Structure formats: C-alpha cells, structure tokens
Amino acid sequence: MAGVTHIVESSLYAKDVKVTANFYATVLGLSVMLDTPRLVAFDAGNHSVLLVFQEGATNEDVKTDEGTIPGHDGNGRLHLALGISSDSLPEWRRRLAEHGVPILSETRWKGGGTSLYFHDPDGHVVELATPGLWANY
C-alpha cells in the first residue's frame, strides 16, 4: 500500500474571513492563492495550503463544476503549526512584536526545536515551529 506523503490542506474558521485573511497575509506573509467570500486559500509552503473559511459558510455541501465538496466545520480554539527555520526565530519574534501580536509561549523541545505560540484574530492557537519538534521534522 502506498503511504501518505504529507498534509495537503488544513483549515481554520473565521468570524470575519477578511480580517483573519489579512492577519495571515500581513503578519505571517503567506501568499493568497484564492480569495472568495467563502474562503481564502494561502500557500503555506512545501506543497501545503492553509484554508481560512468564513465561519458558517461551509456547513452544507457545495456543488461545483468539478464535483461536490462535502460540508464541514470547526469551532473553538483550533491549533495550527507552521514550520520555520531555526535561524529565523529572532526575525519572527521581531515581526510579531511589530504587528502587536503577543507571544503566549516559547517552548524549547527536547528534540532541539523551538515553538512560538500566539493567537490569530479568532483566538486560534498558531505555532511557528523549528525543526526538532517531531522525529520527522
């Protein structure tokens, strides 16, 4: 059997998709690949896509010319981790501070990685993680 190669998409749900999308584009510097009233898709690097959906806009199935997308949703404080290089930690600390984003926690993992945790505008917990967090990263 062929194995899974990676996560292609991960999604978050926003109270105001434009405000949250602006956070990911401006603060984290992610490039927008698709911008609609229902969702904004970002290039999250390494063949990964971050989808930010307007809260409540994905409960029902969506039929497109390409096929049907089953309804989905998420609520509460969700979590997302994005990979960064170890040598970029000082730059990320500065960038977050410049945008008024407080770091909730900085964790140094036994495997050698470091994680910076902060909230996005919806209260989701965002983590910037350096290699050494997991055995495969």
Protein backbone atom coordinates (compact mmCIF):
# COMPACT_ATOMS: atom_id res chain seq x y z
CA MET A 1 0.00 0.00 0.00
CA ALA A 2 1.26 3.48 -0.85
CA GLY A 3 1.80 5.71 2.18
CA VAL A 4 0.63 9.25 2.86
CA THR A 5 3.19 11.79 1.69
CA HIS A 6 2.03 14.95 3.52
CA ILE A 7 -0.94 17.05 4.60
CA VAL A 8 -2.20 18.96 1.57
CA GLU A 9 -4.68 21.29 3.28
CA SER A 10 -5.52 22.39 6.77
CA SER A 11 -8.37 24.71 7.60
CA LEU A 12 -9.45 27.28 10.14
CA TYR A 13 -12.80 29.03 10.50
CA ALA A 14 -13.03 32.81 10.91
CA LYS A 15 -15.66 35.13 12.36
CA ASP A 16 -14.64 37.65 9.67
CA VAL A 17 -12.72 35.95 6.87
CA LYS A 18 -11.29 39.24 5.56
CA VAL A 19 -9.84 40.23 8.97
CA THR A 20 -8.34 36.79 9.56
CA ALA A 21 -7.04 36.52 5.99
CA ASN A 22 -5.37 39.91 6.38
CA PHE A 23 -3.62 38.62 9.54
CA TYR A 24 -2.17 35.58 7.73
CA ALA A 25 -1.13 37.65 4.70
CA THR A 26 0.25 40.65 6.60
CA VAL A 27 1.67 39.21 9.82
CA LEU A 28 2.80 35.80 8.55
CA GLY A 29 3.47 36.83 4.95
CA LEU A 30 1.53 33.96 3.38
CA SER A 31 0.63 34.37 -0.30
CA VAL A 32 -3.03 34.30 -1.27
CA MET A 33 -3.87 31.68 -3.91
CA LEU A 34 -7.67 32.10 -3.88
CA ASP A 35 -9.82 34.85 -2.36
CA THR A 36 -13.61 34.44 -2.23
CA PRO A 37 -16.30 35.50 0.25
CA ARG A 38 -16.47 31.86 1.44
CA LEU A 39 -12.74 31.16 1.83
CA VAL A 40 -9.22 32.43 1.35
CA ALA A 41 -6.54 29.88 0.42
CA PHE A 42 -2.89 30.52 1.28
CA ASP A 43 0.34 28.97 0.07
CA ALA A 44 1.71 27.60 3.35
CA GLY A 45 4.95 26.33 1.75
CA ASN A 46 6.18 22.86 0.87
CA HIS A 47 3.05 21.81 -1.07
CA SER A 48 0.80 22.86 1.85
CA VAL A 49 -2.32 25.02 1.73
CA LEU A 50 -3.98 26.85 4.61
CA LEU A 51 -7.70 27.40 4.04
CA VAL A 52 -9.43 30.12 6.06
CA PHE A 53 -13.20 29.70 5.78
CA GLN A 54 -15.91 32.15 6.73
CA GLU A 55 -17.49 30.66 9.85
CA GLY A 56 -20.83 29.03 8.98
CA ALA A 57 -20.26 29.14 5.21
CA THR A 58 -19.18 25.51 4.88
CA ASN A 59 -21.89 23.59 6.76
CA GLU A 60 -23.67 22.47 3.59
CA ASP A 61 -22.31 20.53 0.62
CA VAL A 62 -21.08 22.77 -2.22
CA LYS A 63 -21.60 21.63 -5.79
CA THR A 64 -19.07 22.89 -8.34
CA ASP A 65 -18.35 22.09 -11.97
CA GLU A 66 -15.56 19.83 -10.71
CA GLY A 67 -17.65 17.87 -8.19
CA THR A 68 -19.20 18.13 -4.72
CA ILE A 69 -17.32 19.34 -1.63
CA PRO A 70 -18.86 17.79 1.49
CA GLY A 71 -19.91 20.23 4.22
CA HIS A 72 -17.52 20.69 7.14
CA ASP A 73 -17.00 22.99 10.09
CA GLY A 74 -14.80 23.60 13.10
CA ASN A 75 -15.25 25.69 16.19
CA GLY A 76 -13.46 26.59 19.36
CA ARG A 77 -9.80 27.45 19.64
CA LEU A 78 -8.22 25.34 16.91
CA HIS A 79 -4.47 24.82 16.52
CA LEU A 80 -2.15 25.19 13.55
CA ALA A 81 1.64 24.82 13.40
CA LEU A 82 3.74 26.30 10.60
CA GLY A 83 7.36 25.37 10.05
CA ILE A 84 10.12 27.98 10.18
CA SER A 85 13.91 27.76 10.13
CA SER A 86 15.82 27.84 13.41
CA ASP A 87 17.85 30.87 12.38
CA SER A 88 14.67 32.88 11.67
CA LEU A 89 13.44 32.86 15.31
CA PRO A 90 14.77 36.36 16.15
CA GLU A 91 13.20 37.75 12.97
CA TRP A 92 9.82 36.15 13.81
CA ARG A 93 9.92 37.49 17.38
CA ARG A 94 10.51 40.99 15.94
CA ARG A 95 7.86 40.63 13.23
CA LEU A 96 5.20 39.52 15.72
CA ALA A 97 6.09 42.40 18.05
CA GLU A 98 5.97 44.91 15.18
CA HIS A 99 2.41 43.76 14.42
CA GLY A 100 1.38 43.89 18.08
CA VAL A 101 0.98 40.11 18.32
CA PRO A 102 1.98 38.91 21.80
CA ILE A 103 3.83 35.61 22.07
CA LEU A 104 1.86 33.45 24.51
CA SER A 105 4.61 30.91 25.00
CA GLU A 106 8.04 29.96 23.72
CA THR A 107 8.77 26.26 24.15
CA ARG A 108 12.15 24.57 23.67
CA TRP A 109 11.63 20.91 22.86
CA LYS A 110 13.94 18.08 23.95
CA GLY A 111 14.49 17.20 20.27
CA GLY A 112 16.06 20.62 19.72
CA GLY A 113 13.14 22.52 18.18
CA THR A 114 11.59 25.74 19.41
CA SER A 115 7.94 26.79 19.12
CA LEU A 116 6.45 30.27 19.34
CA TYR A 117 2.74 30.31 20.20
CA PHE A 118 0.30 33.19 19.63
CA HIS A 119 -3.35 33.83 18.75
CA ASP A 120 -4.84 34.84 15.43
CA PRO A 121 -7.81 37.27 15.36
CA ASP A 122 -10.24 34.39 16.04
CA GLY A 123 -8.35 33.10 19.08
CA HIS A 124 -6.93 30.09 17.24
CA VAL A 125 -3.56 28.99 18.59
CA VAL A 126 -0.89 29.46 15.93
CA GLU A 127 2.52 27.87 16.39
CA LEU A 128 5.71 28.67 14.49
CA ALA A 129 7.94 25.62 14.93
CA THR A 130 11.58 24.99 14.05
CA PRO A 131 12.99 21.58 13.11
CA GLY A 132 13.40 19.26 16.08
CA LEU A 133 9.78 19.43 17.19
CA TRP A 134 9.00 15.90 15.92
CA ALA A 135 11.12 12.95 14.85
CA ASN A 136 10.13 13.63 11.22
CA TYR A 137 10.60 17.40 11.48
